[in-house]
Amino acid sequence: MIASCKKDDIESISSPGFFGEYLTNNSQIIVSPISEPNVSPSTTNFGIYRGYYFIPSKDIKITAIGAKIPEKGTYKIIVTSGVLNDFVDSNYMLLDSITINNPSEFQYKNISQALILSASTKYLIAYFNSNNLSVYQAQFPHYISIPLTIKGIKIESLFYCSGTFYNGMYCLEGGNILQGSVNCIYGLVDFKYDVIQ
């Protein structure tokens, strides 16, 4: 299922998603932009997906997608299940984009058709950034353990994947799926949802 959104459906931080609310309510977590020049080779065809695999504890309906990104612009966000190969668009459950007008806060966009996700099933949400010189990190005061459960959503592992475009296709050049003890999370993507009763 591919859902699309209207550009004027952008909301402010006053109504955060589950992850944005978690970061906002924990004052010891420091969210700040960092520079990563080591992951920005000298090609305009390079890009990075950042996000996380998650497992809802109940059937849910995603109603909005969001992100906090240090630079203004429009960014692609995907939701998918299963194993990703070359990020072929037809494999996405949701393929949409969000425009960041205020880099200092999470911004959200309602999706026009709610996305239904099943309990105890693993999904991936990630955003794509073709400019890799800056990204937000959430720095914890101590090491935390991934998986991390927040409001019934288990962040099962962190996801990072770089690659290049070739003939219109995104070809993977290496990915990183991280579990265990971490003291920061790079790339802040989020969503809002309702529990299906």
Protein backbone atom coordinates (compact mmCIF):
# COMPACT_ATOMS: atom_id res chain seq x y z
CA MET A 1 0.00 0.00 0.00
CA ILE A 2 1.43 3.38 -1.01
CA ALA A 3 0.02 6.44 0.70
CA SER A 4 0.50 10.03 -0.31
CA CYS A 5 0.17 13.28 1.63
CA LYS A 6 -0.66 16.90 1.07
CA LYS A 7 2.14 19.40 1.56
CA ASP A 8 0.01 21.55 3.86
CA ASP A 9 -0.53 18.70 6.36
CA ILE A 10 2.51 19.64 8.45
CA GLU A 11 2.14 19.81 12.20
CA SER A 12 4.36 21.28 14.91
CA ILE A 13 6.12 19.66 17.85
CA SER A 14 3.02 20.31 19.96
CA SER A 15 1.76 16.92 18.80
CA PRO A 16 4.80 14.61 18.69
CA GLY A 17 4.93 10.97 17.70
CA PHE A 18 5.95 8.23 20.13
CA PHE A 19 9.71 8.68 19.57
CA GLY A 20 9.68 12.48 19.51
CA GLU A 21 7.68 12.51 22.73
CA TYR A 22 10.14 10.09 24.36
CA LEU A 23 13.12 12.32 23.49
CA THR A 24 11.30 15.51 24.54
CA ASN A 25 10.20 14.10 27.91
CA ASN A 26 13.68 12.86 28.85
CA SER A 27 15.65 16.01 29.63
CA GLN A 28 18.90 14.06 30.10
CA ILE A 29 18.90 13.06 26.41
CA ILE A 30 20.81 15.68 24.42
CA VAL A 31 19.66 16.08 20.81
CA SER A 32 22.21 17.91 18.68
CA PRO A 33 23.43 18.03 15.07
CA ILE A 34 26.72 16.36 14.27
CA SER A 35 28.93 16.41 11.20
CA GLU A 36 29.76 13.18 9.43
CA PRO A 37 32.10 14.08 6.55
CA ASN A 38 33.49 10.54 6.58
CA VAL A 39 30.24 9.23 5.09
CA SER A 40 29.95 11.83 2.33
CA PRO A 41 32.04 10.79 -0.66
CA SER A 42 32.53 13.20 -3.54
CA THR A 43 29.60 12.02 -5.65
CA THR A 44 26.16 13.54 -6.02
CA ASN A 45 24.73 10.04 -6.44
CA PHE A 46 25.46 9.01 -2.87
CA GLY A 47 22.91 8.82 -0.09
CA ILE A 48 22.09 7.33 3.29
CA TYR A 49 18.98 5.75 4.78
CA ARG A 50 18.66 6.09 8.57
CA GLY A 51 15.96 4.70 10.81
CA TYR A 52 15.07 1.63 12.81
CA TYR A 53 13.28 -1.69 12.71
CA PHE A 54 10.30 -1.74 15.04
CA ILE A 55 7.70 -4.21 16.31
CA PRO A 56 4.30 -2.99 17.57
CA SER A 57 2.88 -4.90 20.54
CA LYS A 58 -0.68 -4.41 19.20
CA ASP A 59 -2.26 -3.84 15.81
CA ILE A 60 -1.76 -0.17 15.00
CA LYS A 61 -2.75 2.40 12.41
CA ILE A 62 -0.02 4.88 11.42
CA THR A 63 -1.62 8.28 10.88
CA ALA A 64 1.40 10.56 10.40
CA ILE A 65 5.12 10.42 9.64
CA GLY A 66 7.78 12.79 10.94
CA ALA A 67 11.43 13.55 11.41
CA LYS A 68 13.91 15.97 12.94
CA ILE A 69 16.63 16.85 10.42
CA PRO A 70 19.21 19.67 10.74
CA GLU A 71 18.77 21.08 7.22
CA LYS A 72 15.65 22.44 5.55
CA GLY A 73 14.41 20.45 2.60
CA THR A 74 12.20 17.60 1.47
CA TYR A 75 13.11 14.06 2.55
CA LYS A 76 11.77 10.68 1.47
CA ILE A 77 10.39 8.44 4.24
CA ILE A 78 9.67 4.74 3.77
CA VAL A 79 7.90 2.06 5.77
CA THR A 80 8.38 -1.54 4.73
CA SER A 81 8.44 -5.08 6.04
CA GLY A 82 10.69 -8.00 5.26
CA VAL A 83 14.20 -7.85 3.83
CA LEU A 84 15.23 -4.89 1.71
CA ASN A 85 17.14 -5.54 -1.50
CA ASP A 86 17.71 -2.43 -3.60
CA PHE A 87 14.98 -0.25 -2.09
CA VAL A 88 12.69 -0.79 -5.07
CA ASP A 89 9.76 1.57 -4.62
CA SER A 90 7.14 -1.09 -5.36
CA ASN A 91 8.23 -3.01 -2.24
CA TYR A 92 7.31 -0.20 0.13
CA MET A 93 4.20 -0.29 2.26
CA LEU A 94 4.50 3.49 2.39
CA LEU A 95 6.60 5.83 0.28
CA ASP A 96 6.17 9.51 1.04
CA SER A 97 8.13 12.65 1.79
CA ILE A 98 8.17 15.34 4.41
CA THR A 99 9.29 18.95 4.09
CA ILE A 100 11.38 20.27 6.97
CA ASN A 101 10.80 24.02 7.38
CA ASN A 102 12.03 24.29 10.98
CA PRO A 103 15.13 22.14 11.60
CA SER A 104 15.04 22.81 15.36
CA GLU A 105 12.01 20.59 15.97
CA PHE A 106 10.27 17.41 14.89
CA GLN A 107 7.86 18.05 12.04
CA TYR A 108 5.04 15.72 11.04
CA LYS A 109 2.77 15.16 8.10
CA ASN A 110 -0.57 13.34 8.13
CA ILE A 111 -0.86 10.49 5.66
CA SER A 112 -3.97 10.49 3.50
CA GLN A 113 -4.65 6.77 3.94
CA ALA A 114 -3.87 5.21 7.31
CA LEU A 115 -1.31 2.40 7.22
CA ILE A 116 -2.37 -0.71 9.18
CA LEU A 117 0.46 -2.69 10.85
CA SER A 118 0.11 -6.02 12.64
CA ALA A 119 1.16 -6.80 16.20
CA SER A 120 4.39 -8.79 16.68
CA THR A 121 5.53 -8.11 13.09
CA LYS A 122 8.81 -6.37 12.26
CA TYR A 123 8.79 -3.24 10.10
CA LEU A 124 11.37 -0.67 9.02
CA ILE A 125 10.92 3.09 9.00
CA ALA A 126 13.73 5.19 7.54
CA TYR A 127 14.38 8.52 5.86
CA PHE A 128 16.70 9.19 2.95
CA ASN A 129 19.28 11.98 3.00
CA SER A 130 21.46 12.75 -0.01
CA ASN A 131 23.38 15.40 1.96
CA ASN A 132 25.31 13.57 4.66
CA LEU A 133 27.29 16.43 6.20
CA SER A 134 24.90 16.78 9.13
CA VAL A 135 22.43 14.66 11.04
CA TYR A 136 20.80 14.83 14.46
CA GLN A 137 21.91 12.47 17.19
CA ALA A 138 20.15 11.68 20.45
CA GLN A 139 22.91 11.34 23.05
CA PHE A 140 21.98 9.41 26.19
CA PRO A 141 23.59 10.12 29.59
CA HIS A 142 24.52 6.44 29.84
CA TYR A 143 24.41 3.37 27.64
CA ILE A 144 20.96 1.99 26.84
CA SER A 145 20.00 -1.38 25.45
CA ILE A 146 18.52 -1.91 21.99
CA PRO A 147 15.84 -3.34 21.71
CA LEU A 148 14.15 -0.41 23.45
CA THR A 149 10.38 -0.38 24.05
CA ILE A 150 8.55 2.96 24.03
CA LYS A 151 4.76 3.12 24.48
CA GLY A 152 4.14 -0.35 23.05
CA ILE A 153 6.55 0.06 20.13
CA LYS A 154 9.74 -2.01 20.37
CA ILE A 155 12.68 -0.42 18.52
CA GLU A 156 14.18 -3.78 17.63
CA SER A 157 17.37 -2.52 15.96
CA LEU A 158 18.85 0.68 14.54
CA PHE A 159 19.28 0.86 10.77
CA TYR A 160 21.83 2.62 8.57
CA CYS A 161 22.51 1.97 4.91
CA SER A 162 24.58 3.84 2.35
CA GLY A 163 24.63 3.45 -1.40
CA THR A 164 24.73 5.05 -4.82
CA PHE A 165 22.25 5.50 -7.63
CA TYR A 166 22.86 3.74 -10.94
CA ASN A 167 20.45 3.96 -13.87
CA GLY A 168 17.68 5.10 -11.56
CA MET A 169 18.16 2.25 -9.08
CA TYR A 170 19.50 2.53 -5.55
CA CYS A 171 22.27 -0.03 -5.13
CA LEU A 172 23.31 -0.97 -1.63
CA GLU A 173 26.95 -0.52 -0.67
CA GLY A 174 26.67 -1.75 2.87
CA GLY A 175 24.25 -1.59 5.73
CA ASN A 176 24.46 -1.62 9.47
CA ILE A 177 21.84 -3.13 11.77
CA LEU A 178 22.71 -2.34 15.36
CA GLN A 179 21.50 -3.99 18.55
CA GLY A 180 22.92 -4.13 22.05
CA SER A 181 24.42 -1.36 24.15
CA VAL A 182 24.45 2.14 22.60
CA ASN A 183 24.81 5.65 23.96
CA CYS A 184 23.34 7.52 21.00
CA ILE A 185 20.90 7.17 18.13
CA TYR A 186 21.69 8.81 14.78
CA GLY A 187 18.95 10.00 12.48
CA LEU A 188 15.60 10.85 14.10
CA VAL A 189 12.55 9.57 12.25
CA ASP A 190 9.16 9.15 13.90
CA PHE A 191 5.49 8.34 13.39
CA LYS A 192 2.12 8.80 15.07
CA TYR A 193 -0.28 5.94 15.48
CA ASP A 194 -3.56 4.77 16.95
CA VAL A 195 -4.04 1.35 18.52
CA ILE A 196 -6.66 -0.73 16.71
CA GLN A 197 -9.14 -2.03 19.28
